Amino acid sequence: MTILQGCAQCLDSTRATPPTVQAAYRHAIILLASAGATLFIAGTLLLRRQR
């Protein structure tokens, strides 16, 4: 996976991390995004039900 945005310093520090840590970061991002999406969808469904 290639990082397309960010400053040069961040890009260099990300490339210096081991591949296992990079994979852990990617999994954490997916986990956090899915948790947020789940909460949003559940809240939307609950609000629509109460109408």
Protein backbone atom coordinates (compact mmCIF):
# COMPACT_ATOMS: atom_id res chain seq x y z
CA MET A 1 0.00 0.00 0.00
CA THR A 2 1.40 3.36 -1.00
CA ILE A 3 0.85 6.49 1.04
CA LEU A 4 -0.19 9.30 -1.26
CA GLN A 5 -0.64 12.15 1.19
CA GLY A 6 1.38 13.61 4.02
CA CYS A 7 4.58 15.44 4.66
CA ALA A 8 8.00 14.09 3.72
CA GLN A 9 8.96 13.58 7.36
CA CYS A 10 5.87 11.45 8.03
CA LEU A 11 6.44 9.50 4.83
CA ASP A 12 10.05 8.75 5.82
CA SER A 13 9.07 7.65 9.32
CA THR A 14 6.31 5.43 7.95
CA ARG A 15 8.66 3.75 5.50
CA ALA A 16 11.11 3.12 8.36
CA THR A 17 8.56 1.10 10.36
CA PRO A 18 8.60 -2.68 9.94
CA PRO A 19 6.00 -4.23 7.62
CA THR A 20 4.27 -5.95 10.55
CA VAL A 21 3.72 -2.60 12.27
CA GLN A 22 2.42 -1.09 9.04
CA ALA A 23 -0.03 -3.99 8.73
CA ALA A 24 -1.14 -3.44 12.34
CA TYR A 25 -1.76 0.25 11.57
CA ARG A 26 -3.87 -0.67 8.56
CA HIS A 27 -5.92 -3.14 10.60
CA ALA A 28 -6.41 -0.58 13.36
CA ILE A 29 -7.63 2.02 10.87
CA ILE A 30 -10.14 -0.44 9.41
CA LEU A 31 -11.30 -1.44 12.90
CA LEU A 32 -11.79 2.17 14.02
CA ALA A 33 -13.55 3.15 10.80
CA SER A 34 -15.91 0.17 10.98
CA ALA A 35 -16.70 0.88 14.64
CA GLY A 36 -17.54 4.49 13.80
CA ALA A 37 -19.65 3.46 10.82
CA THR A 38 -21.50 0.89 12.93
CA LEU A 39 -22.31 3.48 15.59
CA PHE A 40 -23.48 5.95 12.96
CA ILE A 41 -25.72 3.41 11.24
CA ALA A 42 -27.14 2.15 14.54
CA GLY A 43 -27.87 5.71 15.68
CA THR A 44 -29.51 6.56 12.38
CA LEU A 45 -31.70 3.45 12.53
CA LEU A 46 -32.71 4.16 16.12
CA LEU A 47 -33.63 7.76 15.32
CA ARG A 48 -35.65 6.73 12.27
CA ARG A 49 -37.54 4.11 14.33
CA GLN A 50 -38.65 6.65 16.91
CA ARG A 51 -40.42 8.85 14.35
